[in-house]
Amino acid sequence: MIISTVCLSTNSYFMIGPLGALTLAMGVSLFYAWRDARLRPPRRRTRLYQCRECRQVYEDRRNVPLATCPQCGAFNEAVRR
């Protein structure tokens, strides 16, 4: 039975440790970033409205075509999504 030995230079031995630690740190940070992004609730986009009656600008997070103005109660369409 022939056993092959791998000869590495001295510089290679000194590079294995830091590269292994760096790879491990990057892997752990990517795992936690992925896990946190998966567990975080999705952001809801706010819509910007401007009342036609009283000219007040307000936002609403609900997904409705018309939103009531908090000041005068008039229905308004979204200006910006």
PDB file of N, CA and C in Angstrom:
ATOM      1  N   MET A   1       0.838  -1.171   0.000  1.00  0.00           N
ATOM      2  CA  MET A   1       0.000   0.000   0.000  1.00  0.00           C
ATOM      3  C   MET A   1       0.890   1.244   0.000  1.00  0.00           C
ATOM      4  N   ILE A   2       0.608   2.133  -0.937  1.00  0.00           N
ATOM      5  CA  ILE A   2       1.419   3.336  -1.075  1.00  0.00           C
ATOM      6  C   ILE A   2       0.646   4.511  -0.492  1.00  0.00           C
ATOM      7  N   ILE A   3       1.248   5.235   0.416  1.00  0.00           N
ATOM      8  CA  ILE A   3       0.630   6.419   1.022  1.00  0.00           C
ATOM      9  C   ILE A   3       1.326   7.640   0.452  1.00  0.00           C
ATOM     10  N   SER A   4       0.537   8.496  -0.116  1.00  0.00           N
ATOM     11  CA  SER A   4       1.083   9.700  -0.710  1.00  0.00           C
ATOM     12  C   SER A   4       1.046  10.817   0.332  1.00  0.00           C
ATOM     13  N   THR A   5       2.140  11.491   0.497  1.00  0.00           N
ATOM     14  CA  THR A   5       2.184  12.625   1.411  1.00  0.00           C
ATOM     15  C   THR A   5       2.223  13.902   0.597  1.00  0.00           C
ATOM     16  N   VAL A   6       1.504  14.877   1.092  1.00  0.00           N
ATOM     17  CA  VAL A   6       1.457  16.165   0.418  1.00  0.00           C
ATOM     18  C   VAL A   6       2.401  17.104   1.133  1.00  0.00           C
ATOM     19  N   CYS A   7       3.310  17.659   0.404  1.00  0.00           N
ATOM     20  CA  CYS A   7       4.254  18.594   0.985  1.00  0.00           C
ATOM     21  C   CYS A   7       3.808  20.010   0.663  1.00  0.00           C
ATOM     22  N   LEU A   8       3.569  20.756   1.691  1.00  0.00           N
ATOM     23  CA  LEU A   8       3.209  22.155   1.522  1.00  0.00           C
ATOM     24  C   LEU A   8       4.365  23.014   1.991  1.00  0.00           C
ATOM     25  N   SER A   9       4.494  24.143   1.384  1.00  0.00           N
ATOM     26  CA  SER A   9       5.552  25.044   1.819  1.00  0.00           C
ATOM     27  C   SER A   9       5.162  25.687   3.150  1.00  0.00           C
ATOM     28  N   THR A  10       6.099  26.281   3.790  1.00  0.00           N
ATOM     29  CA  THR A  10       5.858  26.919   5.089  1.00  0.00           C
ATOM     30  C   THR A  10       4.866  28.067   4.950  1.00  0.00           C
ATOM     31  N   ASN A  11       4.939  28.795   3.856  1.00  0.00           N
ATOM     32  CA  ASN A  11       4.004  29.900   3.632  1.00  0.00           C
ATOM     33  C   ASN A  11       2.569  29.400   3.513  1.00  0.00           C
ATOM     34  N   SER A  12       2.374  28.249   2.942  1.00  0.00           N
ATOM     35  CA  SER A  12       1.031  27.688   2.807  1.00  0.00           C
ATOM     36  C   SER A  12       0.428  27.375   4.165  1.00  0.00           C
ATOM     37  N   TYR A  13       1.230  26.861   5.074  1.00  0.00           N
ATOM     38  CA  TYR A  13       0.732  26.571   6.408  1.00  0.00           C
ATOM     39  C   TYR A  13       0.289  27.838   7.137  1.00  0.00           C
ATOM     40  N   PHE A  14       1.001  28.932   6.917  1.00  0.00           N
ATOM     41  CA  PHE A  14       0.633  30.188   7.565  1.00  0.00           C
ATOM     42  C   PHE A  14      -0.600  30.837   6.932  1.00  0.00           C
ATOM     43  N   MET A  15      -0.925  30.481   5.704  1.00  0.00           N
ATOM     44  CA  MET A  15      -2.096  31.053   5.032  1.00  0.00           C
ATOM     45  C   MET A  15      -3.371  30.250   5.282  1.00  0.00           C
ATOM     46  N   ILE A  16      -3.266  28.984   5.626  1.00  0.00           N
ATOM     47  CA  ILE A  16      -4.452  28.145   5.823  1.00  0.00           C
ATOM     48  C   ILE A  16      -5.289  28.649   6.999  1.00  0.00           C
ATOM     49  N   GLY A  17      -4.668  28.998   8.095  1.00  0.00           N
ATOM     50  CA  GLY A  17      -5.388  29.460   9.287  1.00  0.00           C
ATOM     51  C   GLY A  17      -6.188  30.737   9.051  1.00  0.00           C
ATOM     52  N   PRO A  18      -5.552  31.821   8.606  1.00  0.00           N
ATOM     53  CA  PRO A  18      -6.310  33.063   8.371  1.00  0.00           C
ATOM     54  C   PRO A  18      -7.385  32.925   7.288  1.00  0.00           C
ATOM     55  N   LEU A  19      -7.083  32.184   6.223  1.00  0.00           N
ATOM     56  CA  LEU A  19      -8.086  32.009   5.172  1.00  0.00           C
ATOM     57  C   LEU A  19      -9.267  31.171   5.661  1.00  0.00           C
ATOM     58  N   GLY A  20      -8.989  30.171   6.473  1.00  0.00           N
ATOM     59  CA  GLY A  20     -10.063  29.370   7.049  1.00  0.00           C
ATOM     60  C   GLY A  20     -10.933  30.189   7.993  1.00  0.00           C
ATOM     61  N   ALA A  21     -10.300  31.014   8.825  1.00  0.00           N
ATOM     62  CA  ALA A  21     -11.055  31.868   9.748  1.00  0.00           C
ATOM     63  C   ALA A  21     -11.883  32.897   8.981  1.00  0.00           C
ATOM     64  N   LEU A  22     -11.318  33.465   7.937  1.00  0.00           N
ATOM     65  CA  LEU A  22     -12.054  34.439   7.129  1.00  0.00           C
ATOM     66  C   LEU A  22     -13.238  33.787   6.423  1.00  0.00           C
ATOM     67  N   THR A  23     -13.037  32.603   5.887  1.00  0.00           N
ATOM     68  CA  THR A  23     -14.125  31.877   5.231  1.00  0.00           C
ATOM     69  C   THR A  23     -15.232  31.539   6.223  1.00  0.00           C
ATOM     70  N   LEU A  24     -14.852  31.101   7.407  1.00  0.00           N
ATOM     71  CA  LEU A  24     -15.842  30.786   8.441  1.00  0.00           C
ATOM     72  C   LEU A  24     -16.619  32.025   8.868  1.00  0.00           C
ATOM     73  N   ALA A  25     -15.939  33.155   9.053  1.00  0.00           N
ATOM     74  CA  ALA A  25     -16.606  34.396   9.457  1.00  0.00           C
ATOM     75  C   ALA A  25     -17.575  34.881   8.374  1.00  0.00           C
ATOM     76  N   MET A  26     -17.173  34.798   7.126  1.00  0.00           N
ATOM     77  CA  MET A  26     -18.060  35.206   6.029  1.00  0.00           C
ATOM     78  C   MET A  26     -19.272  34.290   5.942  1.00  0.00           C
ATOM     79  N   GLY A  27     -19.067  32.998   6.110  1.00  0.00           N
ATOM     80  CA  GLY A  27     -20.178  32.051   6.060  1.00  0.00           C
ATOM     81  C   GLY A  27     -21.177  32.292   7.183  1.00  0.00           C
ATOM     82  N   VAL A  28     -20.682  32.546   8.382  1.00  0.00           N
ATOM     83  CA  VAL A  28     -21.572  32.809   9.522  1.00  0.00           C
ATOM     84  C   VAL A  28     -22.334  34.111   9.321  1.00  0.00           C
ATOM     85  N   SER A  29     -21.659  35.145   8.840  1.00  0.00           N
ATOM     86  CA  SER A  29     -22.347  36.423   8.631  1.00  0.00           C
ATOM     87  C   SER A  29     -23.393  36.320   7.524  1.00  0.00           C
ATOM     88  N   LEU A  30     -23.113  35.590   6.462  1.00  0.00           N
ATOM     89  CA  LEU A  30     -24.102  35.403   5.396  1.00  0.00           C
ATOM     90  C   LEU A  30     -25.296  34.595   5.887  1.00  0.00           C
ATOM     91  N   PHE A  31     -25.047  33.586   6.722  1.00  0.00           N
ATOM     92  CA  PHE A  31     -26.142  32.797   7.270  1.00  0.00           C
ATOM     93  C   PHE A  31     -27.068  33.655   8.127  1.00  0.00           C
ATOM     94  N   TYR A  32     -26.502  34.470   9.014  1.00  0.00           N
ATOM     95  CA  TYR A  32     -27.344  35.302   9.878  1.00  0.00           C
ATOM     96  C   TYR A  32     -28.055  36.402   9.095  1.00  0.00           C
ATOM     97  N   ALA A  33     -27.433  36.941   8.071  1.00  0.00           N
ATOM     98  CA  ALA A  33     -28.107  37.941   7.238  1.00  0.00           C
ATOM     99  C   ALA A  33     -29.287  37.303   6.507  1.00  0.00           C
ATOM    100  N   TRP A  34     -29.106  36.098   5.986  1.00  0.00           N
ATOM    101  CA  TRP A  34     -30.190  35.384   5.304  1.00  0.00           C
ATOM    102  C   TRP A  34     -31.310  35.066   6.280  1.00  0.00           C
ATOM    103  N   ARG A  35     -30.962  34.580   7.480  1.00  0.00           N
ATOM    104  CA  ARG A  35     -31.973  34.204   8.472  1.00  0.00           C
ATOM    105  C   ARG A  35     -32.768  35.419   8.942  1.00  0.00           C
ATOM    106  N   ASP A  36     -32.077  36.540   9.200  1.00  0.00           N
ATOM    107  CA  ASP A  36     -32.778  37.742   9.651  1.00  0.00           C
ATOM    108  C   ASP A  36     -33.697  38.290   8.571  1.00  0.00           C
ATOM    109  N   ALA A  37     -33.263  38.242   7.318  1.00  0.00           N
ATOM    110  CA  ALA A  37     -34.097  38.730   6.218  1.00  0.00           C
ATOM    111  C   ALA A  37     -35.324  37.839   6.036  1.00  0.00           C
ATOM    112  N   ARG A  38     -35.183  36.561   6.284  1.00  0.00           N
ATOM    113  CA  ARG A  38     -36.307  35.638   6.129  1.00  0.00           C
ATOM    114  C   ARG A  38     -37.315  35.792   7.259  1.00  0.00           C
ATOM    115  N   LEU A  39     -36.862  36.091   8.461  1.00  0.00           N
ATOM    116  CA  LEU A  39     -37.751  36.207   9.612  1.00  0.00           C
ATOM    117  C   LEU A  39     -38.389  37.584   9.744  1.00  0.00           C
ATOM    118  N   ARG A  40     -37.804  38.583   9.112  1.00  0.00           N
ATOM    119  CA  ARG A  40     -38.322  39.956   9.204  1.00  0.00           C
ATOM    120  C   ARG A  40     -39.616  40.060   8.404  1.00  0.00           C
ATOM    121  N   PRO A  41     -40.638  40.724   8.960  1.00  0.00           N
ATOM    122  CA  PRO A  41     -41.874  40.876   8.185  1.00  0.00           C
ATOM    123  C   PRO A  41     -41.635  41.753   6.952  1.00  0.00           C
ATOM    124  N   PRO A  42     -42.327  41.488   5.871  1.00  0.00           N
ATOM    125  CA  PRO A  42     -42.110  42.277   4.650  1.00  0.00           C
ATOM    126  C   PRO A  42     -42.557  43.722   4.839  1.00  0.00           C
ATOM    127  N   ARG A  43     -41.806  44.623   4.238  1.00  0.00           N
ATOM    128  CA  ARG A  43     -42.158  46.042   4.319  1.00  0.00           C
ATOM    129  C   ARG A  43     -43.332  46.323   3.411  1.00  0.00           C
ATOM    130  N   ARG A  44     -44.247  47.089   3.922  1.00  0.00           N
ATOM    131  CA  ARG A  44     -45.383  47.489   3.106  1.00  0.00           C
ATOM    132  C   ARG A  44     -45.111  48.884   2.573  1.00  0.00           C
ATOM    133  N   ARG A  45     -45.411  49.068   1.327  1.00  0.00           N
ATOM    134  CA  ARG A  45     -45.171  50.365   0.709  1.00  0.00           C
ATOM    135  C   ARG A  45     -46.258  51.339   1.110  1.00  0.00           C
ATOM    136  N   THR A  46     -45.868  52.536   1.441  1.00  0.00           N
ATOM    137  CA  THR A  46     -46.847  53.567   1.786  1.00  0.00           C
ATOM    138  C   THR A  46     -47.246  54.317   0.525  1.00  0.00           C
ATOM    139  N   ARG A  47     -48.475  54.730   0.514  1.00  0.00           N
ATOM    140  CA  ARG A  47     -48.968  55.540  -0.594  1.00  0.00           C
ATOM    141  C   ARG A  47     -49.164  56.966  -0.107  1.00  0.00           C
ATOM    142  N   LEU A  48     -48.847  57.896  -0.959  1.00  0.00           N
ATOM    143  CA  LEU A  48     -48.951  59.310  -0.631  1.00  0.00           C
ATOM    144  C   LEU A  48     -50.227  59.864  -1.250  1.00  0.00           C
ATOM    145  N   TYR A  49     -50.998  60.576  -0.450  1.00  0.00           N
ATOM    146  CA  TYR A  49     -52.269  61.160  -0.886  1.00  0.00           C
ATOM    147  C   TYR A  49     -52.243  62.661  -0.631  1.00  0.00           C
ATOM    148  N   GLN A  50     -52.986  63.397  -1.464  1.00  0.00           N
ATOM    149  CA  GLN A  50     -53.223  64.813  -1.220  1.00  0.00           C
ATOM    150  C   GLN A  50     -54.716  65.044  -1.373  1.00  0.00           C
ATOM    151  N   CYS A  51     -55.317  65.585  -0.338  1.00  0.00           N
ATOM    152  CA  CYS A  51     -56.756  65.796  -0.322  1.00  0.00           C
ATOM    153  C   CYS A  51     -57.132  66.909  -1.306  1.00  0.00           C
ATOM    154  N   ARG A  52     -58.192  66.652  -2.062  1.00  0.00           N
ATOM    155  CA  ARG A  52     -58.650  67.667  -3.022  1.00  0.00           C
ATOM    156  C   ARG A  52     -59.447  68.776  -2.354  1.00  0.00           C
ATOM    157  N   GLU A  53     -59.999  68.486  -1.202  1.00  0.00           N
ATOM    158  CA  GLU A  53     -60.817  69.471  -0.496  1.00  0.00           C
ATOM    159  C   GLU A  53     -59.969  70.408   0.354  1.00  0.00           C
ATOM    160  N   CYS A  54     -59.184  69.849   1.274  1.00  0.00           N
ATOM    161  CA  CYS A  54     -58.431  70.684   2.219  1.00  0.00           C
ATOM    162  C   CYS A  54     -56.938  70.768   1.898  1.00  0.00           C
ATOM    163  N   ARG A  55     -56.474  70.080   0.865  1.00  0.00           N
ATOM    164  CA  ARG A  55     -55.091  70.114   0.369  1.00  0.00           C
ATOM    165  C   ARG A  55     -54.065  69.536   1.346  1.00  0.00           C
ATOM    166  N   GLN A  56     -54.516  68.759   2.324  1.00  0.00           N
ATOM    167  CA  GLN A  56     -53.595  68.133   3.263  1.00  0.00           C
ATOM    168  C   GLN A  56     -52.913  66.934   2.605  1.00  0.00           C
ATOM    169  N   VAL A  57     -51.619  66.763   2.868  1.00  0.00           N
ATOM    170  CA  VAL A  57     -50.861  65.633   2.351  1.00  0.00           C
ATOM    171  C   VAL A  57     -50.736  64.614   3.482  1.00  0.00           C
ATOM    172  N   TYR A  58     -51.050  63.347   3.180  1.00  0.00           N
ATOM    173  CA  TYR A  58     -50.976  62.278   4.164  1.00  0.00           C
ATOM    174  C   TYR A  58     -50.609  60.980   3.473  1.00  0.00           C
ATOM    175  N   GLU A  59     -50.216  59.970   4.281  1.00  0.00           N
ATOM    176  CA  GLU A  59     -49.871  58.675   3.719  1.00  0.00           C
ATOM    177  C   GLU A  59     -50.731  57.597   4.352  1.00  0.00           C
ATOM    178  N   ASP A  60     -50.881  56.503   3.580  1.00  0.00           N
ATOM    179  CA  ASP A  60     -51.688  55.386   4.036  1.00  0.00           C
ATOM    180  C   ASP A  60     -51.009  54.104   3.570  1.00  0.00           C
ATOM    181  N   ARG A  61     -50.879  53.120   4.466  1.00  0.00           N
ATOM    182  CA  ARG A  61     -50.208  51.864   4.133  1.00  0.00           C
ATOM    183  C   ARG A  61     -51.163  50.814   3.590  1.00  0.00           C
ATOM    184  N   ARG A  62     -52.451  51.035   3.702  1.00  0.00           N
ATOM    185  CA  ARG A  62     -53.411  50.042   3.219  1.00  0.00           C
ATOM    186  C   ARG A  62     -53.411  50.010   1.690  1.00  0.00           C
ATOM    187  N   ASN A  63     -53.748  48.870   1.136  1.00  0.00           N
ATOM    188  CA  ASN A  63     -53.786  48.706  -0.314  1.00  0.00           C
ATOM    189  C   ASN A  63     -55.228  48.923  -0.794  1.00  0.00           C
ATOM    190  N   VAL A  64     -55.650  50.174  -0.782  1.00  0.00           N
ATOM    191  CA  VAL A  64     -57.009  50.526  -1.201  1.00  0.00           C
ATOM    192  C   VAL A  64     -56.929  51.581  -2.296  1.00  0.00           C
ATOM    193  N   PRO A  65     -57.913  51.593  -3.229  1.00  0.00           N
ATOM    194  CA  PRO A  65     -57.850  52.585  -4.305  1.00  0.00           C
ATOM    195  C   PRO A  65     -58.156  54.006  -3.825  1.00  0.00           C
ATOM    196  N   LEU A  66     -59.018  54.131  -2.809  1.00  0.00           N
ATOM    197  CA  LEU A  66     -59.372  55.437  -2.262  1.00  0.00           C
ATOM    198  C   LEU A  66     -59.153  55.428  -0.757  1.00  0.00           C
ATOM    199  N   ALA A  67     -58.562  56.493  -0.229  1.00  0.00           N
ATOM    200  CA  ALA A  67     -58.340  56.616   1.207  1.00  0.00           C
ATOM    201  C   ALA A  67     -59.019  57.880   1.701  1.00  0.00           C
ATOM    202  N   THR A  68     -59.523  57.809   2.917  1.00  0.00           N
ATOM    203  CA  THR A  68     -60.199  58.983   3.484  1.00  0.00           C
ATOM    204  C   THR A  68     -59.168  59.913   4.109  1.00  0.00           C
ATOM    205  N   CYS A  69     -59.423  61.181   3.963  1.00  0.00           N
ATOM    206  CA  CYS A  69     -58.561  62.209   4.537  1.00  0.00           C
ATOM    207  C   CYS A  69     -58.786  62.225   6.053  1.00  0.00           C
ATOM    208  N   PRO A  70     -57.723  62.250   6.844  1.00  0.00           N
ATOM    209  CA  PRO A  70     -57.894  62.263   8.292  1.00  0.00           C
ATOM    210  C   PRO A  70     -58.445  63.591   8.820  1.00  0.00           C
ATOM    211  N   GLN A  71     -58.341  64.652   8.020  1.00  0.00           N
ATOM    212  CA  GLN A  71     -58.795  65.956   8.491  1.00  0.00           C
ATOM    213  C   GLN A  71     -60.249  66.221   8.118  1.00  0.00           C
ATOM    214  N   CYS A  72     -60.633  66.002   6.854  1.00  0.00           N
ATOM    215  CA  CYS A  72     -61.999  66.353   6.428  1.00  0.00           C
ATOM    216  C   CYS A  72     -62.848  65.136   6.061  1.00  0.00           C
ATOM    217  N   GLY A  73     -62.237  63.958   5.881  1.00  0.00           N
ATOM    218  CA  GLY A  73     -62.992  62.751   5.596  1.00  0.00           C
ATOM    219  C   GLY A  73     -63.326  62.528   4.118  1.00  0.00           C
ATOM    220  N   ALA A  74     -62.772  63.314   3.228  1.00  0.00           N
ATOM    221  CA  ALA A  74     -63.026  63.159   1.796  1.00  0.00           C
ATOM    222  C   ALA A  74     -62.207  61.985   1.247  1.00  0.00           C
ATOM    223  N   PHE A  75     -62.735  61.314   0.212  1.00  0.00           N
ATOM    224  CA  PHE A  75     -62.024  60.212  -0.430  1.00  0.00           C
ATOM    225  C   PHE A  75     -61.085  60.768  -1.475  1.00  0.00           C
ATOM    226  N   ASN A  76     -59.848  60.231  -1.531  1.00  0.00           N
ATOM    227  CA  ASN A  76     -58.838  60.698  -2.475  1.00  0.00           C
ATOM    228  C   ASN A  76     -58.102  59.535  -3.083  1.00  0.00           C
ATOM    229  N   GLU A  77     -57.621  59.714  -4.319  1.00  0.00           N
ATOM    230  CA  GLU A  77     -56.792  58.718  -4.986  1.00  0.00           C
ATOM    231  C   GLU A  77     -55.320  58.970  -4.648  1.00  0.00           C
ATOM    232  N   ALA A  78     -54.528  57.927  -4.761  1.00  0.00           N
ATOM    233  CA  ALA A  78     -53.096  58.036  -4.438  1.00  0.00           C
ATOM    234  C   ALA A  78     -52.389  58.915  -5.461  1.00  0.00           C
ATOM    235  N   VAL A  79     -51.520  59.789  -4.966  1.00  0.00           N
ATOM    236  CA  VAL A  79     -50.709  60.635  -5.821  1.00  0.00           C
ATOM    237  C   VAL A  79     -49.465  59.867  -6.236  1.00  0.00           C
ATOM    238  N   ARG A  80     -48.871  59.121  -5.274  1.00  0.00           N
ATOM    239  CA  ARG A  80     -47.645  58.368  -5.518  1.00  0.00           C
ATOM    240  C   ARG A  80     -47.723  57.062  -4.756  1.00  0.00           C
ATOM    241  N   ARG A  81     -47.208  55.994  -5.400  1.00  0.00           N
ATOM    242  CA  ARG A  81     -47.178  54.690  -4.720  1.00  0.00           C
ATOM    243  C   ARG A  81     -45.890  54.487  -4.021  1.00  0.00           C
TER     244      ARG A  81
END
